[in-house]
């Protein structure tokens, strides 16, 4: 990424641009993202803005515009998705509505021009050229490897699903009316130029998508044109519209989005039921019946309100300072629906090393930590009310890339294992250690330690030590790419 930055000035601006705007000069050598880690990928995505500055000044607060003068980066952006890619994608089988939309903004409203069934490139190109329609391609990371690579790393970074859509708009046309989204948005300009107008939110940090009428939103507060290699970020709720200037080539940009339904409110809705259930098992007051006919009342009574307020304060006191794992369906939902690891291959199968598993003297290590969640939940295999709590490990190594962010088109299978609650501390040891000997696990007997290894045997691959160890160093283990754990005798 370019290292030298200065305030934008050489490019003509259309209207006021009070949002942060950076102009980046080209630097020597190739420009591309840094995939060494999730954090390095994000740092290179927003370069030259520092991560700390981004989250302090922009995240969920205001737009960030980064305009770059870097031919190498522009070439890389352009490789992510092109208009000409549609021909090969159509040959793989894409369908209107599910995979692609054809639309145009007419008099402030979205007009959908989709046909039925399978999309054909010649028809898409005809609507694009003759009807000046925008082609919207849904979740291209299902087909484009480099977008898969980028979004998989971003899902690790944010701990939230990361989707994308590509918008290809002909010159002198606009695809969508002014609207706001319920996601944090990163725009990468891939081909051509796109003219953007941003407006003050009517619903800050909105929880749903909505179209806004021109007469309601007033004048834009930010207005600019993106060129290949440029990046634009804006928070959910930001009203926006974009068009391709007349007389130019078509525009292609990809919208990368995240943090849908990932607020403190969502987390409360997810965790409070489990907290109430656990507290009710111990506190007889929560098990006492509500007043007769309370649910028939039109308005809540003062007595009921005071009672509920007291219970909420009691729950807050119970939660304060706890280090227990919160039972959270958000964890399971994220791990079930996210992308599989880019390095593991698409739909990679987990394999056992010839039916063997680690022994007491083996050293074990966790792989793909960013693709695993460890949580405590009531036993999912018990249907009675007195469900025993179990430790669950869910992973995304067997997730299907081709269904990522495509809704509930088919039942999604969760992949993972369950263990008795007594194994929690030992599993935390594996989780928190770069490498640990089986005999050092916090379990009462050697038999329990070996049973833990047997219980996870299909998730192990036998590895080898990497490099030479100095005194006091922990061994790193190099094993197969398609397993959660690796081990060495």
Protein backbone atom coordinates (compact mmCIF):
# COMPACT_ATOMS: atom_id res chain seq x y z
CA UNK A 1 0.00 0.00 0.00
CA UNK A 2 1.20 3.60 -0.53
CA UNK A 3 3.05 5.05 2.42
CA UNK A 4 2.94 8.76 1.66
CA UNK A 5 -0.28 10.70 2.14
CA UNK A 6 -1.47 14.26 1.84
CA UNK A 7 -4.78 16.08 1.97
CA UNK A 8 -6.81 15.91 -1.20
CA UNK A 9 -6.49 18.96 -3.35
CA UNK A 10 -5.55 18.15 -6.91
CA UNK A 11 -8.80 16.35 -7.68
CA UNK A 12 -11.85 18.46 -8.30
CA UNK A 13 -14.47 18.12 -5.58
CA UNK A 14 -18.18 18.48 -6.25
CA UNK A 15 -19.57 20.33 -3.22
CA UNK A 16 -18.43 20.30 0.40
CA UNK A 17 -16.53 17.29 1.66
CA UNK A 18 -16.27 17.71 5.45
CA UNK A 19 -15.72 14.00 5.97
CA UNK A 20 -12.13 12.79 6.31
CA UNK A 21 -10.55 12.73 2.86
CA UNK A 22 -7.07 11.37 2.12
CA UNK A 23 -5.18 11.63 -1.16
CA UNK A 24 -2.49 8.98 -1.48
CA UNK A 25 0.39 9.17 -3.92
CA UNK A 26 1.71 6.12 -5.69
CA UNK A 27 4.63 4.36 -4.03
CA UNK A 28 7.26 2.19 -5.65
CA UNK A 29 6.68 -1.51 -6.02
CA UNK A 30 3.45 -3.51 -6.20
CA UNK A 31 0.47 -2.52 -4.06
CA UNK A 32 -1.79 -5.21 -2.62
CA UNK A 33 -3.42 -6.19 0.64
CA UNK A 34 -1.41 -7.76 3.44
CA UNK A 35 -2.91 -11.17 4.23
CA UNK A 36 -0.48 -12.11 7.01
CA UNK A 37 -3.24 -11.74 9.61
CA UNK A 38 -6.80 -10.39 9.90
CA UNK A 39 -5.51 -7.17 11.48
CA UNK A 40 -2.86 -6.64 8.79
CA UNK A 41 -5.48 -7.14 6.09
CA UNK A 42 -7.73 -4.48 7.61
CA UNK A 43 -4.81 -2.12 8.12
CA UNK A 44 -3.90 -2.39 4.44
CA UNK A 45 -7.55 -1.95 3.43
CA UNK A 46 -7.82 1.48 5.12
CA UNK A 47 -4.19 2.57 4.64
CA UNK A 48 -2.87 5.20 5.27
CA UNK A 49 -5.43 5.71 8.05
CA UNK A 50 -4.32 3.92 11.22
CA UNK A 51 -6.66 1.35 12.74
CA UNK A 52 -6.77 3.15 16.10
CA UNK A 53 -7.71 6.40 14.38
CA UNK A 54 -10.38 4.70 12.29
CA UNK A 55 -12.22 3.20 15.25
CA UNK A 56 -11.82 6.31 17.37
CA UNK A 57 -12.96 8.86 14.80
CA UNK A 58 -14.97 7.14 12.06
CA UNK A 59 -16.44 3.73 12.96
CA UNK A 60 -20.21 4.16 13.53
CA UNK A 61 -19.69 7.95 13.52
CA UNK A 62 -18.96 9.48 10.11
CA UNK A 63 -17.81 8.67 6.56
CA UNK A 64 -14.19 8.20 5.53
CA UNK A 65 -13.05 8.85 1.97
CA UNK A 66 -9.61 7.66 0.83
CA UNK A 67 -8.67 8.70 -2.70
CA UNK A 68 -5.57 6.99 -4.06
CA UNK A 69 -3.34 7.69 -7.02
CA UNK A 70 -1.84 4.22 -7.30
CA UNK A 71 -1.96 2.38 -10.66
CA UNK A 72 -0.85 -0.91 -9.09
CA UNK A 73 -3.61 -0.81 -6.48
CA UNK A 74 -6.14 0.24 -9.11
CA UNK A 75 -5.13 -2.79 -11.19
CA UNK A 76 -5.54 -5.06 -8.16
CA UNK A 77 -8.97 -3.61 -7.36
CA UNK A 78 -9.96 -4.11 -10.98
CA UNK A 79 -9.03 -7.79 -10.78
CA UNK A 80 -11.58 -8.40 -8.03
CA UNK A 81 -14.55 -8.15 -10.41
CA UNK A 82 -15.06 -6.88 -13.97
CA UNK A 83 -18.01 -6.46 -16.28
CA UNK A 84 -16.44 -9.08 -18.52
CA UNK A 85 -16.50 -11.60 -15.64
CA UNK A 86 -20.26 -11.89 -16.07
CA UNK A 87 -19.88 -14.02 -19.18
CA UNK A 88 -18.01 -16.81 -17.42
CA UNK A 89 -20.18 -16.51 -14.30
CA UNK A 90 -23.36 -16.89 -16.35
CA UNK A 91 -21.92 -20.06 -17.87
CA UNK A 92 -21.66 -21.49 -14.32
CA UNK A 93 -25.37 -20.96 -13.75
CA UNK A 94 -26.64 -17.79 -12.10
CA UNK A 95 -30.29 -16.88 -11.60
CA UNK A 96 -32.32 -13.69 -11.47
CA UNK A 97 -33.26 -12.67 -7.98
CA UNK A 98 -30.96 -15.12 -6.23
CA UNK A 99 -27.64 -14.23 -7.85
CA UNK A 100 -28.25 -11.16 -9.98
CA UNK A 101 -30.64 -8.21 -10.15
CA UNK A 102 -31.14 -5.84 -13.06
CA UNK A 103 -32.49 -2.48 -11.95
CA UNK A 104 -32.59 1.26 -12.56
CA UNK A 105 -33.58 4.28 -10.52
CA UNK A 106 -36.49 6.04 -12.25
CA UNK A 107 -38.05 9.18 -10.68
CA UNK A 108 -36.63 8.33 -7.28
CA UNK A 109 -37.87 4.74 -7.31
CA UNK A 110 -36.16 1.41 -7.97
CA UNK A 111 -37.41 -0.31 -11.14
CA UNK A 112 -36.51 -4.02 -11.31
CA UNK A 113 -36.01 -5.39 -14.82
CA UNK A 114 -35.35 -9.04 -13.95
CA UNK A 115 -36.38 -11.84 -16.23
CA UNK A 116 -37.36 -15.29 -14.93
CA UNK A 117 -35.02 -18.16 -14.26
CA UNK A 118 -31.43 -18.42 -15.42
CA UNK A 119 -29.54 -15.28 -16.39
CA UNK A 120 -27.78 -15.20 -19.76
CA UNK A 121 -24.91 -12.85 -20.48
CA UNK A 122 -26.27 -11.57 -23.79
CA UNK A 123 -29.55 -10.55 -22.15
CA UNK A 124 -27.74 -8.90 -19.25
CA UNK A 125 -25.55 -6.98 -21.66
CA UNK A 126 -28.59 -5.95 -23.73
CA UNK A 127 -30.38 -4.54 -20.66
CA UNK A 128 -27.14 -2.87 -19.59
CA UNK A 129 -26.52 -1.19 -22.96
CA UNK A 130 -30.06 -0.43 -24.14
CA UNK A 131 -32.01 0.10 -20.91
CA UNK A 132 -29.08 1.70 -19.04
CA UNK A 133 -29.73 -0.76 -16.22
CA UNK A 134 -27.44 -1.51 -13.29
CA UNK A 135 -26.37 -5.12 -12.81
CA UNK A 136 -26.20 -6.06 -9.16
CA UNK A 137 -24.34 -9.32 -8.46
CA UNK A 138 -25.04 -10.86 -5.04
CA UNK A 139 -22.26 -12.29 -2.86
CA UNK A 140 -19.54 -12.61 -5.54
CA UNK A 141 -17.17 -14.15 -2.96
CA UNK A 142 -18.96 -17.41 -3.77
CA UNK A 143 -17.30 -17.33 -7.19
CA UNK A 144 -14.30 -14.99 -6.95
CA UNK A 145 -11.41 -16.43 -4.95
CA UNK A 146 -9.75 -13.13 -4.03
CA UNK A 147 -12.99 -11.75 -2.58
CA UNK A 148 -13.35 -14.99 -0.60
CA UNK A 149 -9.81 -14.45 0.67
CA UNK A 150 -10.54 -10.83 1.67
CA UNK A 151 -13.91 -11.46 3.30
CA UNK A 152 -12.78 -14.55 5.20
CA UNK A 153 -10.01 -12.48 6.80
CA UNK A 154 -12.45 -9.65 7.57
CA UNK A 155 -14.86 -12.08 9.23
CA UNK A 156 -11.97 -13.16 11.46
CA UNK A 157 -11.18 -9.51 12.17
CA UNK A 158 -14.70 -8.33 12.99
CA UNK A 159 -16.12 -11.53 14.46
CA UNK A 160 -19.17 -10.85 12.32
CA UNK A 161 -20.48 -11.99 8.94
CA UNK A 162 -19.07 -10.03 5.99
CA UNK A 163 -21.10 -9.94 2.79
CA UNK A 164 -20.61 -8.20 -0.54
CA UNK A 165 -22.45 -7.03 -3.64
CA UNK A 166 -21.06 -5.80 -6.95
CA UNK A 167 -22.77 -2.92 -8.79
CA UNK A 168 -22.06 -2.37 -12.50
CA UNK A 169 -23.70 0.82 -13.81
CA UNK A 170 -23.54 2.25 -17.35
CA UNK A 171 -22.61 5.87 -18.02
CA UNK A 172 -25.33 8.45 -17.31
CA UNK A 173 -27.35 6.10 -15.15
CA UNK A 174 -28.23 5.31 -11.52
CA UNK A 175 -29.24 1.94 -10.16
CA UNK A 176 -30.77 2.64 -6.75
CA UNK A 177 -32.72 5.56 -5.21
CA UNK A 178 -31.48 7.34 -2.06
CA UNK A 179 -31.52 4.85 0.81
CA UNK A 180 -29.77 3.71 3.96
CA UNK A 181 -28.61 0.28 5.06
CA UNK A 182 -28.40 -1.68 8.31
CA UNK A 183 -24.72 -2.56 7.80
CA UNK A 184 -21.32 -0.88 8.03
CA UNK A 185 -20.25 -0.28 4.42
CA UNK A 186 -16.86 -0.28 2.69
CA UNK A 187 -16.96 0.73 -1.00
CA UNK A 188 -14.07 -0.34 -3.26
CA UNK A 189 -14.10 1.30 -6.69
CA UNK A 190 -13.04 -1.32 -9.24
CA UNK A 191 -13.69 0.09 -12.73
CA UNK A 192 -14.58 3.52 -14.07
CA UNK A 193 -15.89 6.36 -11.94
CA UNK A 194 -18.84 6.68 -9.57
CA UNK A 195 -20.35 9.94 -8.35
CA UNK A 196 -21.54 9.72 -4.72
CA UNK A 197 -23.82 11.86 -2.57
CA UNK A 198 -24.12 11.25 1.19
CA UNK A 199 -26.72 12.77 3.52
CA UNK A 200 -27.21 13.12 7.25
CA UNK A 201 -28.89 10.00 8.73
CA UNK A 202 -32.55 10.22 9.68
CA UNK A 203 -32.03 7.03 11.73
CA UNK A 204 -28.44 6.83 13.09
CA UNK A 205 -27.07 3.26 13.25
CA UNK A 206 -30.23 1.99 11.58
CA UNK A 207 -31.39 -1.59 12.17
CA UNK A 208 -33.13 -1.97 8.80
CA UNK A 209 -32.90 -0.94 5.14
CA UNK A 210 -35.08 1.95 3.97
CA UNK A 211 -35.56 4.13 0.90
CA UNK A 212 -35.74 7.87 1.55
CA UNK A 213 -37.56 10.47 -0.54
CA UNK A 214 -35.45 13.24 -2.10
CA UNK A 215 -37.58 15.97 -0.52
CA UNK A 216 -36.96 14.57 2.96
CA UNK A 217 -33.19 14.20 2.92
CA UNK A 218 -32.25 17.73 1.86
CA UNK A 219 -28.90 18.63 0.34
CA UNK A 220 -25.97 16.22 0.41
CA UNK A 221 -23.36 16.86 3.09
CA UNK A 222 -20.65 14.98 1.16
CA UNK A 223 -20.25 14.78 -2.62
CA UNK A 224 -17.35 13.29 -4.57
CA UNK A 225 -16.33 10.92 -7.36
CA UNK A 226 -14.54 7.62 -6.76
CA UNK A 227 -11.91 6.28 -9.15
CA UNK A 228 -10.30 2.79 -9.27
CA UNK A 229 -8.29 2.14 -6.10
CA UNK A 230 -10.37 4.56 -4.00
CA UNK A 231 -12.18 3.48 -0.83
CA UNK A 232 -15.23 4.90 0.90
CA UNK A 233 -16.54 3.91 4.33
CA UNK A 234 -19.79 5.02 5.93
CA UNK A 235 -21.76 3.84 8.98
CA UNK A 236 -25.12 2.08 8.87
CA UNK A 237 -27.95 4.56 8.58
CA UNK A 238 -25.99 6.88 6.25
CA UNK A 239 -28.30 7.96 3.42
CA UNK A 240 -26.58 7.67 0.06
CA UNK A 241 -27.05 7.52 -3.69
CA UNK A 242 -24.58 7.05 -6.53
CA UNK A 243 -24.53 7.39 -10.32
CA UNK A 244 -22.08 6.93 -13.16
CA UNK A 245 -21.27 10.29 -14.82
CA UNK A 246 -22.41 10.72 -18.41
CA UNK A 247 -19.85 10.44 -21.18
CA UNK A 248 -17.57 8.06 -19.26
CA UNK A 249 -17.08 4.31 -19.26
CA UNK A 250 -19.23 2.13 -17.03
CA UNK A 251 -18.57 1.97 -13.28
CA UNK A 252 -18.00 -1.15 -11.20
CA UNK A 253 -17.73 -1.12 -7.43
CA UNK A 254 -18.02 -3.72 -4.71
CA UNK A 255 -19.80 -3.03 -1.44
CA UNK A 256 -18.32 -5.00 1.45
CA UNK A 257 -20.63 -4.93 4.47
CA UNK A 258 -20.60 -6.14 8.05
CA UNK A 259 -22.13 -5.76 11.54
CA UNK A 260 -25.72 -6.56 10.64
CA UNK A 261 -27.67 -7.39 13.82
CA UNK A 262 -24.46 -7.14 15.82
CA UNK A 263 -25.34 -4.41 18.32
CA UNK A 264 -25.44 -4.40 22.12
CA UNK A 265 -29.22 -4.65 21.80
CA UNK A 266 -28.89 -7.85 19.78
CA UNK A 267 -26.38 -9.23 22.28
CA UNK A 268 -28.73 -8.48 25.18
CA UNK A 269 -31.61 -10.19 23.41
CA UNK A 270 -29.36 -13.20 22.88
CA UNK A 271 -27.82 -13.51 26.34
CA UNK A 272 -30.54 -12.37 28.76
CA UNK A 273 -32.83 -15.43 28.27
CA UNK A 274 -30.03 -17.78 29.35
CA UNK A 275 -29.19 -15.55 32.32
CA UNK A 276 -32.85 -15.50 33.42
CA UNK A 277 -33.10 -19.27 33.06
CA UNK A 278 -29.97 -19.89 35.13
CA UNK A 279 -31.02 -17.40 37.83
CA UNK A 280 -34.52 -18.85 38.07
CA UNK A 281 -33.01 -22.24 38.88
CA UNK A 282 -31.38 -20.74 41.97
CA UNK A 283 -33.80 -17.98 43.06
CA UNK A 284 -37.30 -18.90 44.20
CA UNK A 285 -38.54 -15.32 43.62
CA UNK A 286 -38.19 -15.74 39.87
CA UNK A 287 -40.13 -19.00 40.08
CA UNK A 288 -43.08 -17.38 41.89
CA UNK A 289 -46.20 -16.85 39.82
CA UNK A 290 -47.18 -13.49 38.35
CA UNK A 291 -50.38 -11.81 39.67
CA UNK A 292 -53.67 -13.18 38.45
CA UNK A 293 -54.90 -11.68 35.16
CA UNK A 294 -51.67 -9.68 34.68
CA UNK A 295 -51.36 -10.66 31.03
CA UNK A 296 -54.97 -9.52 30.43
CA UNK A 297 -54.22 -5.93 31.50
CA UNK A 298 -54.19 -3.21 28.83
CA UNK A 299 -51.41 -1.35 30.64
CA UNK A 300 -48.65 -2.59 32.91
CA UNK A 301 -49.41 -2.08 36.61
CA UNK A 302 -47.10 -0.11 38.88
CA UNK A 303 -46.60 -3.23 41.01
CA UNK A 304 -45.52 -5.31 38.01
CA UNK A 305 -43.18 -2.58 36.76
CA UNK A 306 -41.47 -2.26 40.15
CA UNK A 307 -41.18 -6.02 40.39
CA UNK A 308 -39.61 -6.34 36.94
CA UNK A 309 -37.24 -3.45 37.66
CA UNK A 310 -36.09 -5.22 40.80
CA UNK A 311 -35.49 -8.45 38.90
CA UNK A 312 -33.45 -6.59 36.26
CA UNK A 313 -31.27 -5.03 38.98
CA UNK A 314 -30.79 -8.47 40.51
CA UNK A 315 -29.76 -9.89 37.09
CA UNK A 316 -27.34 -6.99 36.60
CA UNK A 317 -25.74 -7.70 39.98
CA UNK A 318 -25.41 -11.37 39.08
CA UNK A 319 -23.80 -10.51 35.74
CA UNK A 320 -21.42 -7.89 37.14
CA UNK A 321 -17.88 -9.23 37.35
CA UNK A 322 -18.72 -12.74 36.15
CA UNK A 323 -16.17 -14.58 34.01
CA UNK A 324 -18.53 -17.36 32.98
CA UNK A 325 -19.01 -18.04 29.29
CA UNK A 326 -22.25 -16.46 28.14
CA UNK A 327 -24.57 -18.92 26.40
CA UNK A 328 -24.99 -17.15 23.09
CA UNK A 329 -26.78 -18.30 19.95
CA UNK A 330 -25.01 -15.42 18.16
CA UNK A 331 -21.78 -17.41 18.42
CA UNK A 332 -23.31 -20.49 16.87
CA UNK A 333 -25.12 -18.53 14.15
CA UNK A 334 -21.91 -16.74 13.13
CA UNK A 335 -19.80 -19.88 12.98
CA UNK A 336 -22.48 -21.80 11.06
CA UNK A 337 -22.95 -19.21 8.33
CA UNK A 338 -19.51 -17.70 7.84
CA UNK A 339 -16.98 -18.52 5.13
CA UNK A 340 -14.67 -21.53 5.53
CA UNK A 341 -10.95 -20.77 5.90
CA UNK A 342 -9.43 -19.66 2.62
CA UNK A 343 -6.38 -21.87 3.16
CA UNK A 344 -8.44 -24.95 3.93
CA UNK A 345 -10.05 -25.15 0.54
CA UNK A 346 -13.73 -25.10 -0.29
CA UNK A 347 -15.71 -27.65 1.71
CA UNK A 348 -12.55 -29.34 2.96
CA UNK A 349 -13.15 -32.53 4.88
CA UNK A 350 -11.61 -33.08 8.29
CA UNK A 351 -9.53 -36.21 8.51
CA UNK A 352 -8.04 -38.36 11.24
CA UNK A 353 -4.38 -39.48 11.08
CA UNK A 354 -4.94 -43.17 10.45
CA UNK A 355 -7.34 -43.56 13.37
CA UNK A 356 -4.69 -42.46 15.87
CA UNK A 357 -4.99 -39.70 18.43
CA UNK A 358 -2.66 -37.91 20.86
CA UNK A 359 -1.39 -39.69 23.98
CA UNK A 360 -0.39 -38.36 27.41
CA UNK A 361 3.09 -37.36 26.25
CA UNK A 362 1.84 -35.69 23.06
CA UNK A 363 1.95 -31.93 22.61
CA UNK A 364 -1.24 -30.44 21.15
CA UNK A 365 -2.06 -27.15 19.48
CA UNK A 366 -5.21 -25.42 18.25
CA UNK A 367 -5.44 -24.44 14.58
CA UNK A 368 -7.87 -21.99 12.96
CA UNK A 369 -8.70 -20.36 16.28
CA UNK A 370 -10.54 -17.59 14.43
CA UNK A 371 -12.87 -20.23 12.96
CA UNK A 372 -13.86 -21.84 16.27
CA UNK A 373 -16.16 -20.84 19.11
CA UNK A 374 -16.14 -22.39 22.56
CA UNK A 375 -19.39 -21.97 24.48
CA UNK A 376 -21.50 -23.47 27.27
CA UNK A 377 -25.10 -24.39 26.42
CA UNK A 378 -27.83 -26.70 27.72
CA UNK A 379 -27.44 -30.18 26.26
CA UNK A 380 -28.91 -29.91 22.76
CA UNK A 381 -29.69 -33.66 22.75
CA UNK A 382 -31.94 -33.52 25.82
CA UNK A 383 -35.56 -32.54 25.46
CA UNK A 384 -36.56 -32.44 29.12
CA UNK A 385 -36.60 -29.22 31.16
CA UNK A 386 -33.68 -30.21 33.42
CA UNK A 387 -31.09 -29.95 30.68
CA UNK A 388 -27.53 -30.52 31.80
CA UNK A 389 -25.03 -27.90 30.66
CA UNK A 390 -22.39 -29.00 28.19
CA UNK A 391 -19.34 -27.43 26.55
CA UNK A 392 -19.68 -27.05 22.79
CA UNK A 393 -16.95 -26.42 20.22
CA UNK A 394 -18.35 -25.24 16.89
CA UNK A 395 -16.18 -24.74 13.83
CA UNK A 396 -16.57 -23.49 10.26
CA UNK A 397 -14.00 -25.66 8.48
CA UNK A 398 -16.72 -27.61 6.67
CA UNK A 399 -18.94 -24.64 5.80
CA UNK A 400 -19.94 -24.28 2.16
CA UNK A 401 -18.61 -21.25 0.39
CA UNK A 402 -21.30 -21.39 -2.29
CA UNK A 403 -24.10 -20.73 0.23
CA UNK A 404 -22.40 -17.92 2.14
CA UNK A 405 -24.80 -15.06 2.98
CA UNK A 406 -27.52 -16.55 0.80
CA UNK A 407 -30.23 -16.74 3.46
CA UNK A 408 -32.14 -19.82 4.53
CA UNK A 409 -32.29 -21.49 1.14
CA UNK A 410 -31.43 -24.79 2.73
CA UNK A 411 -30.89 -26.18 6.19
CA UNK A 412 -27.43 -25.30 7.46
CA UNK A 413 -25.64 -27.97 9.45
CA UNK A 414 -23.57 -27.03 12.47
CA UNK A 415 -20.23 -28.76 12.84
CA UNK A 416 -18.69 -29.36 16.21
CA UNK A 417 -18.32 -31.43 19.34
CA UNK A 418 -19.72 -31.44 22.87
CA UNK A 419 -18.00 -32.24 26.15
CA UNK A 420 -19.00 -32.53 29.82
CA UNK A 421 -18.82 -29.26 31.74
CA UNK A 422 -15.93 -30.74 33.76
CA UNK A 423 -13.77 -30.50 30.59
CA UNK A 424 -14.17 -26.73 30.28
CA UNK A 425 -10.91 -25.76 32.03
CA UNK A 426 -8.89 -28.27 29.97
CA UNK A 427 -10.41 -27.00 26.74
CA UNK A 428 -9.64 -23.42 27.80
CA UNK A 429 -6.02 -24.49 28.32
CA UNK A 430 -5.80 -25.74 24.74
CA UNK A 431 -7.57 -22.58 23.57
CA UNK A 432 -5.22 -20.22 25.40
CA UNK A 433 -1.91 -22.05 24.79
CA UNK A 434 0.27 -21.97 21.71
CA UNK A 435 1.07 -25.62 22.49
CA UNK A 436 0.46 -27.79 25.56
CA UNK A 437 1.20 -31.35 26.68
CA UNK A 438 -1.80 -33.61 27.17
CA UNK A 439 -0.52 -34.66 30.62
CA UNK A 440 -0.71 -30.99 31.76
CA UNK A 441 -4.42 -30.62 31.07
CA UNK A 442 -6.58 -29.72 34.08
CA UNK A 443 -8.45 -32.99 34.43
CA UNK A 444 -8.49 -35.27 37.46
CA UNK A 445 -7.16 -38.49 35.96
CA UNK A 446 -4.99 -39.56 33.05
CA UNK A 447 -7.95 -41.55 31.78
CA UNK A 448 -10.02 -38.35 31.49
CA UNK A 449 -7.21 -36.65 29.59
CA UNK A 450 -6.97 -39.52 27.12
CA UNK A 451 -10.75 -39.64 26.79
CA UNK A 452 -10.75 -35.96 25.86
CA UNK A 453 -8.28 -36.77 23.08
CA UNK A 454 -10.40 -39.70 21.91
CA UNK A 455 -13.48 -37.51 21.89
CA UNK A 456 -11.84 -35.17 19.39
CA UNK A 457 -9.90 -37.73 17.37
CA UNK A 458 -11.53 -36.96 14.01
CA UNK A 459 -10.43 -33.33 14.41
CA UNK A 460 -6.73 -34.16 14.82
CA UNK A 461 -3.93 -34.39 12.34
CA UNK A 462 -0.44 -35.54 13.25
CA UNK A 463 2.09 -32.77 12.74
CA UNK A 464 5.77 -32.05 13.17
CA UNK A 465 7.75 -29.54 15.19
CA UNK A 466 8.72 -26.46 13.23
CA UNK A 467 12.33 -25.30 13.65
CA UNK A 468 14.69 -25.78 16.58
CA UNK A 469 13.69 -24.98 20.15
CA UNK A 470 15.71 -22.92 22.57
CA UNK A 471 15.49 -23.49 26.34
CA UNK A 472 12.10 -22.41 27.63
CA UNK A 473 10.51 -22.09 24.19
CA UNK A 474 7.16 -23.69 23.47
CA UNK A 475 7.05 -26.01 20.46
CA UNK A 476 5.09 -24.92 17.42
CA UNK A 477 3.48 -27.75 15.51
CA UNK A 478 3.06 -27.87 11.77
CA UNK A 479 0.26 -30.15 10.71
CA UNK A 480 -2.44 -30.66 8.12
CA UNK A 481 -4.46 -27.65 6.99
CA UNK A 482 -7.85 -29.28 7.32
CA UNK A 483 -7.98 -30.05 11.03
CA UNK A 484 -8.77 -28.00 14.11
CA UNK A 485 -6.03 -29.57 16.25
CA UNK A 486 -2.49 -30.70 15.52
CA UNK A 487 -0.27 -32.87 17.70
CA UNK A 488 3.22 -34.31 18.01
CA UNK A 489 4.37 -37.30 20.04
